C-alpha atoms as a PDB file:
ATOM      1  CA  MET A   1      93.311 106.823  99.972  1.00  0.00           C
ATOM      2  CA  GLU A   2      91.106 109.877 100.074  1.00  0.00           C
ATOM      3  CA  HIS A   3      87.832 107.983 100.810  1.00  0.00           C
ATOM      4  CA  PRO A   4      88.959 105.752 103.777  1.00  0.00           C
ATOM      5  CA  LEU A   5      90.903 108.570 105.348  1.00  0.00           C
ATOM      6  CA  ASP A   6      88.077 111.014 104.910  1.00  0.00           C
ATOM      7  CA  GLU A   7      85.815 108.655 107.019  1.00  0.00           C
ATOM      8  CA  ILE A   8      87.992 108.969 110.174  1.00  0.00           C
ATOM      9  CA  ASP A   9      86.788 111.191 112.973  1.00  0.00           C
ATOM     10  CA  GLY A  10      89.467 113.702 113.617  1.00  0.00           C
ATOM     11  CA  VAL A  11      90.602 113.986 110.030  1.00  0.00           C
ATOM     12  CA  VAL A  12      90.336 117.634 109.134  1.00  0.00           C
ATOM     13  CA  SER A  13      91.155 117.264 105.436  1.00  0.00           C
ATOM     14  CA  VAL A  14      92.485 114.995 102.913  1.00  0.00           C
ATOM     15  CA  THR A  15      94.038 116.459  99.722  1.00  0.00           C
ATOM     16  CA  SER A  16      95.076 114.424  96.606  1.00  0.00           C
ATOM     17  CA  GLY A  17      98.377 115.427  95.131  1.00  0.00           C
ATOM     18  CA  TYR A  18     102.030 114.449  94.297  1.00  0.00           C
ATOM     19  CA  THR A  19     105.228 114.151  96.318  1.00  0.00           C
ATOM     20  CA  GLY A  20     108.660 112.603  96.207  1.00  0.00           C
ATOM     21  CA  GLY A  21     109.635 113.937  92.940  1.00  0.00           C
ATOM     22  CA  THR A  22     112.054 116.379  91.341  1.00  0.00           C
ATOM     23  CA  LYS A  23     109.738 118.829  89.438  1.00  0.00           C
ATOM     24  CA  ALA A  24     108.039 121.813  91.206  1.00  0.00           C
ATOM     25  CA  THR A  25     104.275 122.093  90.554  1.00  0.00           C
ATOM     26  CA  PRO A  26     103.767 118.867  88.454  1.00  0.00           C
ATOM     27  CA  THR A  27     100.786 118.257  86.541  1.00  0.00           C
ATOM     28  CA  TYR A  28      98.741 115.067  86.455  1.00  0.00           C
ATOM     29  CA  GLU A  29      99.898 114.328  82.859  1.00  0.00           C
ATOM     30  CA  GLU A  30     103.533 114.739  83.833  1.00  0.00           C
ATOM     31  CA  VAL A  31     103.199 112.609  86.946  1.00  0.00           C
ATOM     32  CA  SER A  32     101.065 109.908  85.292  1.00  0.00           C
ATOM     33  CA  ALA A  33     103.720 109.762  82.435  1.00  0.00           C
ATOM     34  CA  GLY A  34     106.120 108.650  85.193  1.00  0.00           C
ATOM     35  CA  THR A  35     108.841 111.298  84.186  1.00  0.00           C
ATOM     36  CA  THR A  36     108.804 113.439  87.377  1.00  0.00           C
ATOM     37  CA  GLY A  37     109.646 110.875  90.070  1.00  0.00           C
ATOM     38  CA  HIS A  38     106.583 111.820  92.063  1.00  0.00           C
ATOM     39  CA  ALA A  39     104.065 109.453  93.698  1.00  0.00           C
ATOM     40  CA  GLU A  40     100.437 110.089  93.778  1.00  0.00           C
ATOM     41  CA  ALA A  41      99.681 110.807  97.340  1.00  0.00           C
ATOM     42  CA  VAL A  42      97.325 112.236  99.835  1.00  0.00           C
ATOM     43  CA  GLN A  43      98.145 115.108 102.392  1.00  0.00           C
ATOM     44  CA  VAL A  44      96.222 114.367 105.561  1.00  0.00           C
ATOM     45  CA  ILE A  45      95.632 117.200 108.177  1.00  0.00           C
ATOM     46  CA  PHE A  46      94.243 115.624 111.314  1.00  0.00           C
ATOM     47  CA  ASP A  47      93.396 116.778 114.921  1.00  0.00           C
ATOM     48  CA  PRO A  48      95.769 114.723 117.257  1.00  0.00           C
ATOM     49  CA  ALA A  49      93.285 115.266 120.114  1.00  0.00           C
ATOM     50  CA  LYS A  50      90.732 113.181 118.167  1.00  0.00           C
ATOM     51  CA  VAL A  51      92.900 110.716 116.209  1.00  0.00           C
ATOM     52  CA  ASN A  52      96.357 109.558 116.435  1.00  0.00           C
ATOM     53  CA  TYR A  53      98.943 109.040 113.693  1.00  0.00           C
ATOM     54  CA  GLN A  54      98.915 105.349 114.475  1.00  0.00           C
ATOM     55  CA  LYS A  55      95.201 105.041 113.402  1.00  0.00           C
ATOM     56  CA  LEU A  56      95.952 106.921 110.151  1.00  0.00           C
ATOM     57  CA  VAL A  57      98.840 104.422 109.372  1.00  0.00           C
ATOM     58  CA  ASP A  58      96.586 101.490 110.314  1.00  0.00           C
ATOM     59  CA  VAL A  59      93.902 102.677 107.791  1.00  0.00           C
ATOM     60  CA  PHE A  60      96.591 103.184 105.197  1.00  0.00           C
ATOM     61  CA  TRP A  61      97.781  99.618 105.392  1.00  0.00           C
ATOM     62  CA  ARG A  62      94.312  98.101 105.031  1.00  0.00           C
ATOM     63  CA  ASN A  63      93.734 100.074 101.988  1.00  0.00           C
ATOM     64  CA  VAL A  64      96.936  99.236  99.853  1.00  0.00           C
ATOM     65  CA  ASP A  65      98.593  96.210  98.448  1.00  0.00           C
ATOM     66  CA  PRO A  66     101.935  96.452 100.439  1.00  0.00           C
ATOM     67  CA  LEU A  67     103.363  93.437  98.562  1.00  0.00           C
ATOM     68  CA  THR A  68     103.449  94.951  94.973  1.00  0.00           C
ATOM     69  CA  ALA A  69     106.207  97.378  93.951  1.00  0.00           C
ATOM     70  CA  ASN A  70     105.336 100.262  91.895  1.00  0.00           C
ATOM     71  CA  ALA A  71     101.639  99.429  91.391  1.00  0.00           C
ATOM     72  CA  GLN A  72      98.396  99.603  93.136  1.00  0.00           C
ATOM     73  CA  PHE A  73      95.779  97.287  91.650  1.00  0.00           C
ATOM     74  CA  CYS A  74      95.270  98.157  87.950  1.00  0.00           C
ATOM     75  CA  ASP A  75      97.603 101.261  88.129  1.00  0.00           C
ATOM     76  CA  HIS A  76     101.202 100.599  87.332  1.00  0.00           C
ATOM     77  CA  GLY A  77     104.309 102.699  87.455  1.00  0.00           C
ATOM     78  CA  THR A  78     106.551 104.270  90.043  1.00  0.00           C
ATOM     79  CA  GLN A  79     103.997 107.004  90.502  1.00  0.00           C
ATOM     80  CA  TYR A  80     101.664 104.437  92.080  1.00  0.00           C
ATOM     81  CA  ARG A  81     104.369 103.139  94.497  1.00  0.00           C
ATOM     82  CA  SER A  82     102.976 102.366  97.977  1.00  0.00           C
ATOM     83  CA  ALA A  83     104.792 104.875 100.509  1.00  0.00           C
ATOM     84  CA  ILE A  84     104.177 106.342 103.783  1.00  0.00           C
ATOM     85  CA  PHE A  85     105.674 109.876 103.883  1.00  0.00           C
ATOM     86  CA  TYR A  86     106.587 110.993 107.369  1.00  0.00           C
ATOM     87  CA  GLN A  87     106.912 114.468 108.862  1.00  0.00           C
ATOM     88  CA  ASP A  88     109.105 113.766 111.857  1.00  0.00           C
ATOM     89  CA  ASP A  89     110.997 111.148 113.778  1.00  0.00           C
ATOM     90  CA  GLU A  90     107.974 110.210 115.803  1.00  0.00           C
ATOM     91  CA  GLN A  91     105.891 109.413 112.648  1.00  0.00           C
ATOM     92  CA  LYS A  92     108.847 107.663 111.130  1.00  0.00           C
ATOM     93  CA  ARG A  93     109.259 105.364 114.035  1.00  0.00           C
ATOM     94  CA  ALA A  94     105.568 104.654 114.080  1.00  0.00           C
ATOM     95  CA  ALA A  95     105.508 103.934 110.335  1.00  0.00           C
ATOM     96  CA  GLU A  96     108.502 101.513 110.694  1.00  0.00           C
ATOM     97  CA  VAL A  97     106.936  99.702 113.503  1.00  0.00           C
ATOM     98  CA  SER A  98     103.829  99.231 111.786  1.00  0.00           C
ATOM     99  CA  LYS A  99     105.663  97.932 108.576  1.00  0.00           C
ATOM    100  CA  LEU A 100     107.316  95.264 110.858  1.00  0.00           C
ATOM    101  CA  VAL A 101     103.845  94.296 112.183  1.00  0.00           C
ATOM    102  CA  VAL A 102     102.465  94.030 108.552  1.00  0.00           C
ATOM    103  CA  ALA A 103     105.546  92.086 107.461  1.00  0.00           C
ATOM    104  CA  LYS A 104     104.665  89.275 109.980  1.00  0.00           C
ATOM    105  CA  ARG A 105     101.455  88.768 108.193  1.00  0.00           C
ATOM    106  CA  PHE A 106     102.986  87.862 104.739  1.00  0.00           C
ATOM    107  CA  ASP A 107     105.463  85.395 103.310  1.00  0.00           C
ATOM    108  CA  LYS A 108     106.699  87.981 100.847  1.00  0.00           C
ATOM    109  CA  PRO A 109     108.601  91.180 101.458  1.00  0.00           C
ATOM    110  CA  ILE A 110     106.783  94.512 101.978  1.00  0.00           C
ATOM    111  CA  ALA A 111     107.138  96.779  99.036  1.00  0.00           C
ATOM    112  CA  THR A 112     105.687  99.732 100.730  1.00  0.00           C
ATOM    113  CA  GLN A 113     108.408 102.503 101.330  1.00  0.00           C
ATOM    114  CA  ILE A 114     108.796 104.630 104.447  1.00  0.00           C
ATOM    115  CA  VAL A 115     110.137 108.146 103.135  1.00  0.00           C
ATOM    116  CA  GLN A 116     110.706 111.486 104.652  1.00  0.00           C
ATOM    117  CA  ALA A 117     107.981 113.944 103.210  1.00  0.00           C
ATOM    118  CA  GLY A 118     109.172 116.600 100.824  1.00  0.00           C
ATOM    119  CA  PRO A 119     107.197 119.216  99.083  1.00  0.00           C
ATOM    120  CA  PHE A 120     103.510 118.373  98.381  1.00  0.00           C
ATOM    121  CA  TRP A 121     101.788 119.576  95.301  1.00  0.00           C
ATOM    122  CA  PRO A 122      97.992 119.440  95.267  1.00  0.00           C
ATOM    123  CA  ALA A 123      96.427 117.723  92.320  1.00  0.00           C
ATOM    124  CA  GLU A 124      94.142 119.569  90.013  1.00  0.00           C
ATOM    125  CA  GLY A 125      90.714 120.150  91.322  1.00  0.00           C
ATOM    126  CA  TYR A 126      88.914 117.397  89.325  1.00  0.00           C
ATOM    127  CA  HIS A 127      91.063 114.957  91.376  1.00  0.00           C
ATOM    128  CA  GLN A 128      89.929 116.192  94.747  1.00  0.00           C
ATOM    129  CA  HIS A 129      87.271 114.065  96.508  1.00  0.00           C
ATOM    130  CA  TYR A 130      86.759 112.141  93.253  1.00  0.00           C
ATOM    131  CA  TYR A 131      84.841 109.340  95.137  1.00  0.00           C
ATOM    132  CA  LYS A 132      82.246 112.143  96.075  1.00  0.00           C
ATOM    133  CA  THR A 133      82.201 113.975  92.766  1.00  0.00           C
ATOM    134  CA  ASN A 134      82.012 110.917  90.486  1.00  0.00           C
ATOM    135  CA  PRO A 135      80.595 108.147  92.785  1.00  0.00           C
ATOM    136  CA  VAL A 136      79.490 105.846  89.925  1.00  0.00           C
ATOM    137  CA  ARG A 137      82.938 106.013  88.153  1.00  0.00           C
ATOM    138  CA  TYR A 138      84.642 105.638  91.456  1.00  0.00           C
ATOM    139  CA  LYS A 139      82.753 102.492  92.280  1.00  0.00           C
ATOM    140  CA  PHE A 140      83.174 101.162  88.777  1.00  0.00           C
ATOM    141  CA  TYR A 141      86.934 101.798  88.798  1.00  0.00           C
ATOM    142  CA  ARG A 142      87.301 100.093  92.231  1.00  0.00           C
ATOM    143  CA  TYR A 143      85.597  96.950  90.994  1.00  0.00           C
ATOM    144  CA  ASN A 144      87.205  96.816  87.590  1.00  0.00           C
ATOM    145  CA  CYS A 145      90.508  97.081  89.140  1.00  0.00           C
ATOM    146  CA  GLY A 146      89.863  94.392  91.574  1.00  0.00           C
ATOM    147  CA  ARG A 147      90.604  96.660  94.464  1.00  0.00           C
ATOM    148  CA  ASP A 148      88.240  95.354  96.932  1.00  0.00           C
ATOM    149  CA  GLN A 149      88.772  91.795  96.072  1.00  0.00           C
ATOM    150  CA  ARG A 150      92.560  92.132  96.432  1.00  0.00           C
ATOM    151  CA  LEU A 151      92.234  94.020  99.703  1.00  0.00           C
ATOM    152  CA  GLU A 152      89.871  91.246 101.044  1.00  0.00           C
ATOM    153  CA  GLN A 153      92.469  88.654  99.827  1.00  0.00           C
ATOM    154  CA  LEU A 154      95.171  90.335 101.809  1.00  0.00           C
ATOM    155  CA  TRP A 155      93.331  91.670 104.885  1.00  0.00           C
ATOM    156  CA  GLY A 156      90.118  89.671 105.114  1.00  0.00           C
ATOM    157  CA  LYS A 157      86.568  91.061 104.943  1.00  0.00           C
ATOM    158  CA  PRO A 158      86.359  94.764 106.069  1.00  0.00           C
ATOM    159  CA  SER A 159      84.622  95.439 109.177  1.00  0.00           C
ATOM    160  CA  ASN A 160      83.659  98.910 107.791  1.00  0.00           C
ATOM    161  CA  PRO A 161      84.174  99.001 103.924  1.00  0.00           C
ATOM    162  CA  SER A 162      85.268 102.336 102.373  1.00  0.00           C
END
């Protein structure tokens, strides 16, 4: 999610990390083992004068598989669950309404969770902006995981691929 959110005018920063679990300061190894209850997530800081929360949620939906529980593309486990973590009641309402709109598009139930945000733990430095620091590996990963193909199947051809 870092890449598509980073591309939005008004997004100040996108930080990869972990949330929704039980352990303070988890490591990638702990989270990827599936033992901490955390989800891999991004923390988005944005300027509401330039971009609204709804736009961020719309970009989120177009970059996930909302129909598959506990997985995203070739990554499987609860740490890869699809979720929107909200900060306040206004964000919760916007996320819930957007989920209802998305649900009308599909014949299967939406697996994406809408969850109150808890503590966020930034991932290790080598995870930050991976798409920029490892562009060839990032593209290879996207292709081999079938990410772009699945997103096109779900949402149609992107108008601005990320």
